[in-house]
Structure formats: C-alpha cells, structure tokens
PDB file of N, CA and C in Angstrom:
ATOM      1  N   MET A   1       0.844  -1.178   0.000  1.00  0.00           N
ATOM      2  CA  MET A   1       0.000   0.000   0.000  1.00  0.00           C
ATOM      3  C   MET A   1       0.892   1.245   0.000  1.00  0.00           C
ATOM      4  N   PRO A   2       0.651   2.212  -0.868  1.00  0.00           N
ATOM      5  CA  PRO A   2       1.452   3.432  -0.909  1.00  0.00           C
ATOM      6  C   PRO A   2       1.249   4.273   0.344  1.00  0.00           C
ATOM      7  N   ALA A   3       2.245   5.043   0.677  1.00  0.00           N
ATOM      8  CA  ALA A   3       2.166   5.937   1.836  1.00  0.00           C
ATOM      9  C   ALA A   3       2.902   7.230   1.520  1.00  0.00           C
ATOM     10  N   LEU A   4       2.458   8.309   2.121  1.00  0.00           N
ATOM     11  CA  LEU A   4       3.090   9.604   1.904  1.00  0.00           C
ATOM     12  C   LEU A   4       3.048  10.385   3.207  1.00  0.00           C
ATOM     13  N   ASN A   5       4.183  10.929   3.606  1.00  0.00           N
ATOM     14  CA  ASN A   5       4.280  11.770   4.792  1.00  0.00           C
ATOM     15  C   ASN A   5       5.156  12.950   4.400  1.00  0.00           C
ATOM     16  N   ARG A   6       4.517  14.035   3.961  1.00  0.00           N
ATOM     17  CA  ARG A   6       5.262  15.199   3.498  1.00  0.00           C
ATOM     18  C   ARG A   6       4.532  16.463   3.928  1.00  0.00           C
ATOM     19  N   VAL A   7       5.310  17.476   4.317  1.00  0.00           N
ATOM     20  CA  VAL A   7       4.746  18.763   4.703  1.00  0.00           C
ATOM     21  C   VAL A   7       5.636  19.858   4.134  1.00  0.00           C
ATOM     22  N   GLU A   8       5.016  20.943   3.684  1.00  0.00           N
ATOM     23  CA  GLU A   8       5.726  22.122   3.212  1.00  0.00           C
ATOM     24  C   GLU A   8       5.123  23.329   3.911  1.00  0.00           C
ATOM     25  N   LEU A   9       5.977  24.184   4.445  1.00  0.00           N
ATOM     26  CA  LEU A   9       5.531  25.360   5.189  1.00  0.00           C
ATOM     27  C   LEU A   9       6.262  26.595   4.701  1.00  0.00           C
ATOM     28  N   ILE A  10       5.571  27.711   4.684  1.00  0.00           N
ATOM     29  CA  ILE A  10       6.192  29.020   4.503  1.00  0.00           C
ATOM     30  C   ILE A  10       5.680  29.873   5.652  1.00  0.00           C
ATOM     31  N   GLY A  11       6.610  30.367   6.454  1.00  0.00           N
ATOM     32  CA  GLY A  11       6.218  31.170   7.600  1.00  0.00           C
ATOM     33  C   GLY A  11       7.414  31.864   8.220  1.00  0.00           C
ATOM     34  N   HIS A  12       7.153  32.546   9.316  1.00  0.00           N
ATOM     35  CA  HIS A  12       8.188  33.296  10.028  1.00  0.00           C
ATOM     36  C   HIS A  12       8.623  32.546  11.283  1.00  0.00           C
ATOM     37  N   LEU A  13       9.916  32.597  11.564  1.00  0.00           N
ATOM     38  CA  LEU A  13      10.430  31.980  12.783  1.00  0.00           C
ATOM     39  C   LEU A  13       9.893  32.716  13.995  1.00  0.00           C
ATOM     40  N   GLY A  14       9.414  31.950  14.970  1.00  0.00           N
ATOM     41  CA  GLY A  14       8.864  32.529  16.187  1.00  0.00           C
ATOM     42  C   GLY A  14       9.907  32.791  17.258  1.00  0.00           C
ATOM     43  N   ARG A  15      11.064  32.169  17.113  1.00  0.00           N
ATOM     44  CA  ARG A  15      12.150  32.376  18.070  1.00  0.00           C
ATOM     45  C   ARG A  15      13.461  31.991  17.396  1.00  0.00           C
ATOM     46  N   ASP A  16      14.558  32.411  17.991  1.00  0.00           N
ATOM     47  CA  ASP A  16      15.862  32.024  17.460  1.00  0.00           C
ATOM     48  C   ASP A  16      16.044  30.514  17.600  1.00  0.00           C
ATOM     49  N   PRO A  17      16.706  29.890  16.639  1.00  0.00           N
ATOM     50  CA  PRO A  17      16.947  28.441  16.724  1.00  0.00           C
ATOM     51  C   PRO A  17      17.809  28.087  17.933  1.00  0.00           C
ATOM     52  N   GLU A  18      17.568  26.911  18.476  1.00  0.00           N
ATOM     53  CA  GLU A  18      18.376  26.366  19.570  1.00  0.00           C
ATOM     54  C   GLU A  18      18.968  25.051  19.093  1.00  0.00           C
ATOM     55  N   THR A  19      20.262  24.883  19.279  1.00  0.00           N
ATOM     56  CA  THR A  19      20.924  23.648  18.871  1.00  0.00           C
ATOM     57  C   THR A  19      21.320  22.846  20.097  1.00  0.00           C
ATOM     58  N   ARG A  20      21.086  21.545  19.999  1.00  0.00           N
ATOM     59  CA  ARG A  20      21.489  20.606  21.052  1.00  0.00           C
ATOM     60  C   ARG A  20      22.199  19.442  20.389  1.00  0.00           C
ATOM     61  N   PHE A  21      22.784  18.614  21.217  1.00  0.00           N
ATOM     62  CA  PHE A  21      23.506  17.449  20.715  1.00  0.00           C
ATOM     63  C   PHE A  21      22.998  16.204  21.420  1.00  0.00           C
ATOM     64  N   THR A  22      22.804  15.135  20.652  1.00  0.00           N
ATOM     65  CA  THR A  22      22.386  13.864  21.237  1.00  0.00           C
ATOM     66  C   THR A  22      23.582  13.243  21.949  1.00  0.00           C
ATOM     67  N   PRO A  23      23.358  12.237  22.795  1.00  0.00           N
ATOM     68  CA  PRO A  23      24.485  11.565  23.455  1.00  0.00           C
ATOM     69  C   PRO A  23      25.489  10.971  22.465  1.00  0.00           C
ATOM     70  N   THR A  24      25.031  10.672  21.251  1.00  0.00           N
ATOM     71  CA  THR A  24      25.949  10.117  20.243  1.00  0.00           C
ATOM     72  C   THR A  24      26.634  11.198  19.422  1.00  0.00           C
ATOM     73  N   GLY A  25      26.345  12.485  19.732  1.00  0.00           N
ATOM     74  CA  GLY A  25      27.021  13.585  19.057  1.00  0.00           C
ATOM     75  C   GLY A  25      26.301  14.154  17.844  1.00  0.00           C
ATOM     76  N   LYS A  26      25.082  13.684  17.544  1.00  0.00           N
ATOM     77  CA  LYS A  26      24.337  14.239  16.412  1.00  0.00           C
ATOM     78  C   LYS A  26      23.793  15.617  16.780  1.00  0.00           C
ATOM     79  N   THR A  27      23.790  16.517  15.810  1.00  0.00           N
ATOM     80  CA  THR A  27      23.286  17.872  15.988  1.00  0.00           C
ATOM     81  C   THR A  27      21.802  17.914  15.663  1.00  0.00           C
ATOM     82  N   VAL A  28      21.023  18.582  16.521  1.00  0.00           N
ATOM     83  CA  VAL A  28      19.613  18.828  16.220  1.00  0.00           C
ATOM     84  C   VAL A  28      19.295  20.276  16.584  1.00  0.00           C
ATOM     85  N   CYS A  29      18.709  20.981  15.620  1.00  0.00           N
ATOM     86  CA  CYS A  29      18.351  22.386  15.791  1.00  0.00           C
ATOM     87  C   CYS A  29      16.836  22.474  15.870  1.00  0.00           C
ATOM     88  N   HIS A  30      16.312  23.140  16.916  1.00  0.00           N
ATOM     89  CA  HIS A  30      14.870  23.302  17.133  1.00  0.00           C
ATOM     90  C   HIS A  30      14.492  24.762  16.903  1.00  0.00           C
ATOM     91  N   PHE A  31      13.355  24.981  16.247  1.00  0.00           N
ATOM     92  CA  PHE A  31      12.793  26.316  16.138  1.00  0.00           C
ATOM     93  C   PHE A  31      11.307  26.199  15.815  1.00  0.00           C
ATOM     94  N   THR A  32      10.584  27.308  15.988  1.00  0.00           N
ATOM     95  CA  THR A  32       9.164  27.319  15.679  1.00  0.00           C
ATOM     96  C   THR A  32       8.922  28.185  14.454  1.00  0.00           C
ATOM     97  N   VAL A  33       7.880  27.814  13.704  1.00  0.00           N
ATOM     98  CA  VAL A  33       7.484  28.570  12.519  1.00  0.00           C
ATOM     99  C   VAL A  33       5.994  28.888  12.646  1.00  0.00           C
ATOM    100  N   ALA A  34       5.647  30.158  12.445  1.00  0.00           N
ATOM    101  CA  ALA A  34       4.259  30.612  12.461  1.00  0.00           C
ATOM    102  C   ALA A  34       3.788  30.781  11.026  1.00  0.00           C
ATOM    103  N   VAL A  35       2.687  30.114  10.689  1.00  0.00           N
ATOM    104  CA  VAL A  35       2.116  30.197   9.349  1.00  0.00           C
ATOM    105  C   VAL A  35       0.761  30.884   9.446  1.00  0.00           C
ATOM    106  N   ASN A  36       0.620  31.999   8.752  1.00  0.00           N
ATOM    107  CA  ASN A  36      -0.642  32.750   8.742  1.00  0.00           C
ATOM    108  C   ASN A  36      -1.529  32.239   7.615  1.00  0.00           C
ATOM    109  N   ARG A  37      -2.760  31.878   7.966  1.00  0.00           N
ATOM    110  CA  ARG A  37      -3.736  31.455   6.959  1.00  0.00           C
ATOM    111  C   ARG A  37      -4.676  32.611   6.676  1.00  0.00           C
ATOM    112  N   PRO A  38      -5.045  32.817   5.408  1.00  0.00           N
ATOM    113  CA  PRO A  38      -5.980  33.897   5.093  1.00  0.00           C
ATOM    114  C   PRO A  38      -7.286  33.715   5.874  1.00  0.00           C
ATOM    115  N   GLY A  39      -7.725  34.782   6.482  1.00  0.00           N
ATOM    116  CA  GLY A  39      -8.978  34.755   7.236  1.00  0.00           C
ATOM    117  C   GLY A  39      -8.852  34.265   8.663  1.00  0.00           C
ATOM    118  N   ALA A  40      -7.723  33.687   9.031  1.00  0.00           N
ATOM    119  CA  ALA A  40      -7.537  33.199  10.403  1.00  0.00           C
ATOM    120  C   ALA A  40      -7.026  34.330  11.286  1.00  0.00           C
ATOM    121  N   LYS A  41      -7.524  34.383  12.509  1.00  0.00           N
ATOM    122  CA  LYS A  41      -7.101  35.437  13.432  1.00  0.00           C
ATOM    123  C   LYS A  41      -5.726  35.149  14.029  1.00  0.00           C
ATOM    124  N   GLU A  42      -5.431  33.896  14.253  1.00  0.00           N
ATOM    125  CA  GLU A  42      -4.169  33.503  14.869  1.00  0.00           C
ATOM    126  C   GLU A  42      -3.387  32.601  13.906  1.00  0.00           C
ATOM    127  N   PRO A  43      -2.063  32.653  13.950  1.00  0.00           N
ATOM    128  CA  PRO A  43      -1.270  31.773  13.080  1.00  0.00           C
ATOM    129  C   PRO A  43      -1.268  30.336  13.604  1.00  0.00           C
ATOM    130  N   ASP A  44      -0.948  29.401  12.736  1.00  0.00           N
ATOM    131  CA  ASP A  44      -0.682  28.025  13.134  1.00  0.00           C
ATOM    132  C   ASP A  44       0.802  27.940  13.464  1.00  0.00           C
ATOM    133  N   TRP A  45       1.131  27.312  14.591  1.00  0.00           N
ATOM    134  CA  TRP A  45       2.523  27.195  15.031  1.00  0.00           C
ATOM    135  C   TRP A  45       3.012  25.768  14.833  1.00  0.00           C
ATOM    136  N   PHE A  46       4.233  25.640  14.340  1.00  0.00           N
ATOM    137  CA  PHE A  46       4.845  24.342  14.106  1.00  0.00           C
ATOM    138  C   PHE A  46       6.220  24.303  14.760  1.00  0.00           C
ATOM    139  N   LEU A  47       6.504  23.197  15.449  1.00  0.00           N
ATOM    140  CA  LEU A  47       7.834  22.947  15.987  1.00  0.00           C
ATOM    141  C   LEU A  47       8.617  22.210  14.911  1.00  0.00           C
ATOM    142  N   VAL A  48       9.804  22.714  14.574  1.00  0.00           N
ATOM    143  CA  VAL A  48      10.626  22.142  13.514  1.00  0.00           C
ATOM    144  C   VAL A  48      11.939  21.660  14.110  1.00  0.00           C
ATOM    145  N   ASN A  49      12.362  20.464  13.704  1.00  0.00           N
ATOM    146  CA  ASN A  49      13.670  19.914  14.065  1.00  0.00           C
ATOM    147  C   ASN A  49      14.468  19.713  12.789  1.00  0.00           C
ATOM    148  N   ALA A  50      15.679  20.215  12.770  1.00  0.00           N
ATOM    149  CA  ALA A  50      16.586  20.017  11.644  1.00  0.00           C
ATOM    150  C   ALA A  50      17.830  19.314  12.178  1.00  0.00           C
ATOM    151  N   TRP A  51      18.210  18.223  11.532  1.00  0.00           N
ATOM    152  CA  TRP A  51      19.291  17.379  12.022  1.00  0.00           C
ATOM    153  C   TRP A  51      20.585  17.567  11.241  1.00  0.00           C
ATOM    154  N   ASP A  52      21.693  17.295  11.908  1.00  0.00           N
ATOM    155  CA  ASP A  52      23.031  17.233  11.320  1.00  0.00           C
ATOM    156  C   ASP A  52      23.395  18.517  10.582  1.00  0.00           C
ATOM    157  N   LYS A  53      23.876  18.401   9.347  1.00  0.00           N
ATOM    158  CA  LYS A  53      24.364  19.560   8.595  1.00  0.00           C
ATOM    159  C   LYS A  53      23.261  20.590   8.373  1.00  0.00           C
ATOM    160  N   LEU A  54      22.040  20.128   8.074  1.00  0.00           N
ATOM    161  CA  LEU A  54      20.924  21.064   7.895  1.00  0.00           C
ATOM    162  C   LEU A  54      20.680  21.848   9.186  1.00  0.00           C
ATOM    163  N   GLY A  55      20.774  21.192  10.334  1.00  0.00           N
ATOM    164  CA  GLY A  55      20.628  21.872  11.612  1.00  0.00           C
ATOM    165  C   GLY A  55      21.700  22.922  11.840  1.00  0.00           C
ATOM    166  N   GLU A  56      22.918  22.611  11.434  1.00  0.00           N
ATOM    167  CA  GLU A  56      24.013  23.576  11.570  1.00  0.00           C
ATOM    168  C   GLU A  56      23.769  24.806  10.702  1.00  0.00           C
ATOM    169  N   VAL A  57      23.279  24.598   9.483  1.00  0.00           N
ATOM    170  CA  VAL A  57      22.978  25.714   8.583  1.00  0.00           C
ATOM    171  C   VAL A  57      21.846  26.562   9.154  1.00  0.00           C
ATOM    172  N   CYS A  58      20.797  25.913   9.667  1.00  0.00           N
ATOM    173  CA  CYS A  58      19.682  26.646  10.269  1.00  0.00           C
ATOM    174  C   CYS A  58      20.158  27.489  11.442  1.00  0.00           C
ATOM    175  N   GLN A  59      20.988  26.920  12.302  1.00  0.00           N
ATOM    176  CA  GLN A  59      21.511  27.661  13.454  1.00  0.00           C
ATOM    177  C   GLN A  59      22.315  28.869  13.001  1.00  0.00           C
ATOM    178  N   GLN A  60      23.078  28.711  11.953  1.00  0.00           N
ATOM    179  CA  GLN A  60      23.958  29.783  11.482  1.00  0.00           C
ATOM    180  C   GLN A  60      23.196  30.927  10.822  1.00  0.00           C
ATOM    181  N   TYR A  61      22.182  30.620  10.033  1.00  0.00           N
ATOM    182  CA  TYR A  61      21.560  31.644   9.194  1.00  0.00           C
ATOM    183  C   TYR A  61      20.173  32.111   9.634  1.00  0.00           C
ATOM    184  N   LEU A  62      19.449  31.331  10.423  1.00  0.00           N
ATOM    185  CA  LEU A  62      18.091  31.706  10.776  1.00  0.00           C
ATOM    186  C   LEU A  62      18.043  32.468  12.095  1.00  0.00           C
ATOM    187  N   SER A  63      17.039  33.326  12.219  1.00  0.00           N
ATOM    188  CA  SER A  63      16.810  34.056  13.462  1.00  0.00           C
ATOM    189  C   SER A  63      15.328  34.430  13.535  1.00  0.00           C
ATOM    190  N   LYS A  64      14.902  34.816  14.706  1.00  0.00           N
ATOM    191  CA  LYS A  64      13.498  35.160  14.946  1.00  0.00           C
ATOM    192  C   LYS A  64      13.017  36.173  13.909  1.00  0.00           C
ATOM    193  N   GLY A  65      11.819  35.905  13.348  1.00  0.00           N
ATOM    194  CA  GLY A  65      11.202  36.817  12.400  1.00  0.00           C
ATOM    195  C   GLY A  65      11.521  36.549  10.940  1.00  0.00           C
ATOM    196  N   ARG A  66      12.554  35.742  10.652  1.00  0.00           N
ATOM    197  CA  ARG A  66      12.930  35.478   9.258  1.00  0.00           C
ATOM    198  C   ARG A  66      11.851  34.653   8.559  1.00  0.00           C
ATOM    199  N   LEU A  67      11.612  34.953   7.281  1.00  0.00           N
ATOM    200  CA  LEU A  67      10.671  34.212   6.457  1.00  0.00           C
ATOM    201  C   LEU A  67      11.402  33.023   5.855  1.00  0.00           C
ATOM    202  N   VAL A  68      10.814  31.827   6.010  1.00  0.00           N
ATOM    203  CA  VAL A  68      11.524  30.614   5.624  1.00  0.00           C
ATOM    204  C   VAL A  68      10.561  29.613   4.990  1.00  0.00           C
ATOM    205  N   TYR A  69      11.100  28.827   4.058  1.00  0.00           N
ATOM    206  CA  TYR A  69      10.395  27.682   3.472  1.00  0.00           C
ATOM    207  C   TYR A  69      10.995  26.434   4.098  1.00  0.00           C
ATOM    208  N   ILE A  70      10.149  25.552   4.594  1.00  0.00           N
ATOM    209  CA  ILE A  70      10.584  24.291   5.190  1.00  0.00           C
ATOM    210  C   ILE A  70       9.825  23.154   4.513  1.00  0.00           C
ATOM    211  N   ALA A  71      10.549  22.126   4.092  1.00  0.00           N
ATOM    212  CA  ALA A  71       9.931  20.904   3.575  1.00  0.00           C
ATOM    213  C   ALA A  71      10.447  19.756   4.427  1.00  0.00           C
ATOM    214  N   GLY A  72       9.571  18.819   4.737  1.00  0.00           N
ATOM    215  CA  GLY A  72       9.991  17.687   5.555  1.00  0.00           C
ATOM    216  C   GLY A  72       8.853  16.717   5.754  1.00  0.00           C
ATOM    217  N   ARG A  73       8.878  16.056   6.905  1.00  0.00           N
ATOM    218  CA  ARG A  73       7.856  15.064   7.234  1.00  0.00           C
ATOM    219  C   ARG A  73       7.356  15.321   8.649  1.00  0.00           C
ATOM    220  N   LEU A  74       6.169  14.816   8.938  1.00  0.00           N
ATOM    221  CA  LEU A  74       5.610  14.926  10.285  1.00  0.00           C
ATOM    222  C   LEU A  74       6.026  13.723  11.117  1.00  0.00           C
ATOM    223  N   GLN A  75       6.287  13.981  12.392  1.00  0.00           N
ATOM    224  CA  GLN A  75       6.626  12.906  13.329  1.00  0.00           C
ATOM    225  C   GLN A  75       5.884  13.186  14.625  1.00  0.00           C
ATOM    226  N   THR A  76       5.167  12.191  15.126  1.00  0.00           N
ATOM    227  CA  THR A  76       4.429  12.336  16.377  1.00  0.00           C
ATOM    228  C   THR A  76       5.096  11.501  17.457  1.00  0.00           C
ATOM    229  N   ASP A  77       5.442  12.161  18.554  1.00  0.00           N
ATOM    230  CA  ASP A  77       6.019  11.475  19.714  1.00  0.00           C
ATOM    231  C   ASP A  77       4.919  11.261  20.739  1.00  0.00           C
ATOM    232  N   ARG A  78       5.007  10.157  21.466  1.00  0.00           N
ATOM    233  CA  ARG A  78       4.027   9.823  22.506  1.00  0.00           C
ATOM    234  C   ARG A  78       4.787   9.477  23.778  1.00  0.00           C
ATOM    235  N   TRP A  79       4.305   9.973  24.917  1.00  0.00           N
ATOM    236  CA  TRP A  79       4.905   9.654  26.201  1.00  0.00           C
ATOM    237  C   TRP A  79       3.843   9.742  27.285  1.00  0.00           C
ATOM    238  N   THR A  80       4.151   9.194  28.445  1.00  0.00           N
ATOM    239  CA  THR A  80       3.257   9.250  29.597  1.00  0.00           C
ATOM    240  C   THR A  80       3.819  10.261  30.580  1.00  0.00           C
ATOM    241  N   ASP A  81       2.984  11.217  30.991  1.00  0.00           N
ATOM    242  CA  ASP A  81       3.448  12.255  31.911  1.00  0.00           C
ATOM    243  C   ASP A  81       3.414  11.757  33.354  1.00  0.00           C
ATOM    244  N   ASP A  82       3.766  12.635  34.299  1.00  0.00           N
ATOM    245  CA  ASP A  82       3.834  12.290  35.722  1.00  0.00           C
ATOM    246  C   ASP A  82       2.484  11.864  36.300  1.00  0.00           C
ATOM    247  N   LYS A  83       1.402  12.302  35.681  1.00  0.00           N
ATOM    248  CA  LYS A  83       0.066  11.962  36.162  1.00  0.00           C
ATOM    249  C   LYS A  83      -0.454  10.674  35.535  1.00  0.00           C
ATOM    250  N   GLY A  84       0.375  10.036  34.679  1.00  0.00           N
ATOM    251  CA  GLY A  84      -0.028   8.802  34.032  1.00  0.00           C
ATOM    252  C   GLY A  84      -0.857   8.993  32.773  1.00  0.00           C
ATOM    253  N   GLU A  85      -0.965  10.252  32.306  1.00  0.00           N
ATOM    254  CA  GLU A  85      -1.734  10.536  31.105  1.00  0.00           C
ATOM    255  C   GLU A  85      -0.832  10.493  29.869  1.00  0.00           C
ATOM    256  N   THR A  86      -1.362   9.970  28.786  1.00  0.00           N
ATOM    257  CA  THR A  86      -0.613   9.901  27.541  1.00  0.00           C
ATOM    258  C   THR A  86      -0.623  11.261  26.862  1.00  0.00           C
ATOM    259  N   GLN A  87       0.550  11.733  26.495  1.00  0.00           N
ATOM    260  CA  GLN A  87       0.722  13.023  25.826  1.00  0.00           C
ATOM    261  C   GLN A  87       1.250  12.776  24.403  1.00  0.00           C
ATOM    262  N   TYR A  88       0.898  13.680  23.497  1.00  0.00           N
ATOM    263  CA  TYR A  88       1.345  13.593  22.105  1.00  0.00           C
ATOM    264  C   TYR A  88       1.895  14.947  21.669  1.00  0.00           C
ATOM    265  N   ARG A  89       2.901  14.901  20.809  1.00  0.00           N
ATOM    266  CA  ARG A  89       3.428  16.121  20.201  1.00  0.00           C
ATOM    267  C   ARG A  89       3.816  15.789  18.765  1.00  0.00           C
ATOM    268  N   THR A  90       3.247  16.541  17.831  1.00  0.00           N
ATOM    269  CA  THR A  90       3.592  16.360  16.425  1.00  0.00           C
ATOM    270  C   THR A  90       4.521  17.488  16.016  1.00  0.00           C
ATOM    271  N   GLN A  91       5.604  17.147  15.352  1.00  0.00           N
ATOM    272  CA  GLN A  91       6.592  18.128  14.920  1.00  0.00           C
ATOM    273  C   GLN A  91       7.015  17.850  13.488  1.00  0.00           C
ATOM    274  N   VAL A  92       7.654  18.810  12.882  1.00  0.00           N
ATOM    275  CA  VAL A  92       8.157  18.683  11.515  1.00  0.00           C
ATOM    276  C   VAL A  92       9.638  18.331  11.590  1.00  0.00           C
ATOM    277  N   VAL A  93      10.015  17.259  10.919  1.00  0.00           N
ATOM    278  CA  VAL A  93      11.431  16.915  10.761  1.00  0.00           C
ATOM    279  C   VAL A  93      11.839  17.466   9.403  1.00  0.00           C
ATOM    280  N   ALA A  94      12.654  18.515   9.415  1.00  0.00           N
ATOM    281  CA  ALA A  94      13.006  19.225   8.186  1.00  0.00           C
ATOM    282  C   ALA A  94      13.933  18.387   7.308  1.00  0.00           C
ATOM    283  N   ARG A  95      13.669  18.455   6.021  1.00  0.00           N
ATOM    284  CA  ARG A  95      14.520  17.834   5.015  1.00  0.00           C
ATOM    285  C   ARG A  95      15.190  18.912   4.163  1.00  0.00           C
ATOM    286  N   GLN A  96      14.483  20.059   4.046  1.00  0.00           N
ATOM    287  CA  GLN A  96      14.978  21.152   3.213  1.00  0.00           C
ATOM    288  C   GLN A  96      14.571  22.474   3.830  1.00  0.00           C
ATOM    289  N   MET A  97      15.441  23.473   3.701  1.00  0.00           N
ATOM    290  CA  MET A  97      15.166  24.811   4.204  1.00  0.00           C
ATOM    291  C   MET A  97      15.652  25.821   3.180  1.00  0.00           C
ATOM    292  N   GLN A  98      14.849  26.873   2.970  1.00  0.00           N
ATOM    293  CA  GLN A  98      15.287  27.976   2.118  1.00  0.00           C
ATOM    294  C   GLN A  98      14.811  29.277   2.738  1.00  0.00           C
ATOM    295  N   MET A  99      15.747  30.231   2.894  1.00  0.00           N
ATOM    296  CA  MET A  99      15.383  31.545   3.408  1.00  0.00           C
ATOM    297  C   MET A  99      14.715  32.314   2.279  1.00  0.00           C
ATOM    298  N   LEU A 100      13.615  32.993   2.587  1.00  0.00           N
ATOM    299  CA  LEU A 100      12.871  33.709   1.559  1.00  0.00           C
ATOM    300  C   LEU A 100      12.986  35.219   1.677  1.00  0.00           C
ATOM    301  N   ASP A 101      13.559  35.712   2.744  1.00  0.00           N
ATOM    302  CA  ASP A 101      13.716  37.168   2.924  1.00  0.00           C
ATOM    303  C   ASP A 101      15.184  37.502   3.147  1.00  0.00           C
ATOM    304  N   ARG A 102      15.902  37.596   2.087  1.00  0.00           N
ATOM    305  CA  ARG A 102      17.332  37.890   2.194  1.00  0.00           C
ATOM    306  C   ARG A 102      17.576  39.386   2.285  1.00  0.00           C
ATOM    307  N   LYS A 103      18.618  39.706   3.003  1.00  0.00           N
ATOM    308  CA  LYS A 103      19.116  41.066   2.996  1.00  0.00           C
ATOM    309  C   LYS A 103      19.978  41.203   1.743  1.00  0.00           C
ATOM    310  N   PRO A 104      20.122  42.401   1.183  1.00  0.00           N
ATOM    311  CA  PRO A 104      20.864  42.556  -0.071  1.00  0.00           C
ATOM    312  C   PRO A 104      22.283  41.989  -0.033  1.00  0.00           C
ATOM    313  N   GLU A 105      22.941  42.053   1.122  1.00  0.00           N
ATOM    314  CA  GLU A 105      24.327  41.583   1.192  1.00  0.00           C
ATOM    315  C   GLU A 105      24.440  40.066   1.409  1.00  0.00           C
ATOM    316  N   GLU A 106      23.313  39.388   1.673  1.00  0.00           N
ATOM    317  CA  GLU A 106      23.345  37.952   1.932  1.00  0.00           C
ATOM    318  C   GLU A 106      23.244  37.151   0.639  1.00  0.00           C
ATOM    319  N   GLN A 107      23.962  36.051   0.615  1.00  0.00           N
ATOM    320  CA  GLN A 107      23.829  35.114  -0.485  1.00  0.00           C
ATOM    321  C   GLN A 107      22.593  34.269  -0.234  1.00  0.00           C
ATOM    322  N   GLU A 108      22.092  33.644  -1.302  1.00  0.00           N
ATOM    323  CA  GLU A 108      20.947  32.747  -1.138  1.00  0.00           C
ATOM    324  C   GLU A 108      21.391  31.537  -0.333  1.00  0.00           C
ATOM    325  N   VAL A 109      20.610  31.190   0.674  1.00  0.00           N
ATOM    326  CA  VAL A 109      20.916  30.027   1.499  1.00  0.00           C
ATOM    327  C   VAL A 109      19.802  29.013   1.333  1.00  0.00           C
ATOM    328  N   GLN A 110      20.194  27.855   0.836  1.00  0.00           N
ATOM    329  CA  GLN A 110      19.255  26.756   0.657  1.00  0.00           C
ATOM    330  C   GLN A 110      20.017  25.508   1.074  1.00  0.00           C
ATOM    331  N   ALA A 111      19.389  24.684   1.879  1.00  0.00           N
ATOM    332  CA  ALA A 111      20.076  23.497   2.366  1.00  0.00           C
ATOM    333  C   ALA A 111      19.111  22.328   2.402  1.00  0.00           C
ATOM    334  N   GLU A 112      19.664  21.131   2.256  1.00  0.00           N
ATOM    335  CA  GLU A 112      18.882  19.916   2.337  1.00  0.00           C
ATOM    336  C   GLU A 112      19.564  18.945   3.270  1.00  0.00           C
ATOM    337  N   SER A 113      18.757  18.107   3.878  1.00  0.00           N
ATOM    338  CA  SER A 113      19.262  17.071   4.766  1.00  0.00           C
ATOM    339  C   SER A 113      19.749  15.906   3.932  1.00  0.00           C
ATOM    340  N   SER A 114      20.751  15.222   4.403  1.00  0.00           N
ATOM    341  CA  SER A 114      21.225  14.024   3.708  1.00  0.00           C
ATOM    342  C   SER A 114      20.491  12.786   4.186  1.00  0.00           C
ATOM    343  N   GLU A 115      19.607  12.945   5.175  1.00  0.00           N
ATOM    344  CA  GLU A 115      18.857  11.824   5.728  1.00  0.00           C
ATOM    345  C   GLU A 115      17.861  11.284   4.698  1.00  0.00           C
ATOM    346  N   GLU A 116      17.851  10.008   4.521  1.00  0.00           N
ATOM    347  CA  GLU A 116      16.891   9.369   3.624  1.00  0.00           C
ATOM    348  C   GLU A 116      15.552   9.239   4.339  1.00  0.00           C
ATOM    349  N   GLU A 117      14.467   9.487   3.610  1.00  0.00           N
ATOM    350  CA  GLU A 117      13.148   9.362   4.232  1.00  0.00           C
ATOM    351  C   GLU A 117      12.512   8.064   3.852  1.00  0.00           C
TER     352      GLU A 117
END
C-alpha cells in the first residue's frame, strides 16, 4: 500500500533556533514557525527539528522573524506524563530549508538534509 508523509511550510520563525547534541554527538536544531492562513485570526505554530548539517545551517543563518520555506515530514512522539496521562506532540522533521527574505548583502541560502526518508 502506498504511503506519503510530506509537509511544506512558509512562515516566520517565532524564536531564534536552539541547537542541542544527542548523546551520540548528532546535531539537532529546534525552532518554531508561524504560518498565517488567510482569514484566520491567529497563526498556526509548528515545531521544527533540523538534524546534522541542515541543523548547523539553520543555526547559522536563521533568526526570529525570518521568512523561511521548510519541507519535511511529520513525526508524532508519545509519552506518559507524571500523572499517568498519555501526551502527544507532532513536529516537523526538516529535510529542506530555504530563506525567503534575504538582505541585499546575503547570499541565497538553501540546504537539504542528507537523511533518507
């Protein structure tokens, strides 16, 4: 049976990216993206994770308020909290990033993940 898990977003970063490292030394960069829908009063917010080299590029070039294109896949994590209730969080695992609002002195920055989906 065919399957597809793909998401594309264009929006503004809600905060500066934060980079962390896994115990095995892999880089992961976290940031949020706000997407405004026509007619909606509030934006939709997405948590984005960019891994390895793509994460390093995101950390270097992105900052709060920048307009960005993100392509990737959705991933839902599930865990049990302290009260014994099951919690869920869906996030975007970025495969590609492109800045859409460059300053005149900046070169075009476009990056892709080497991770196979």
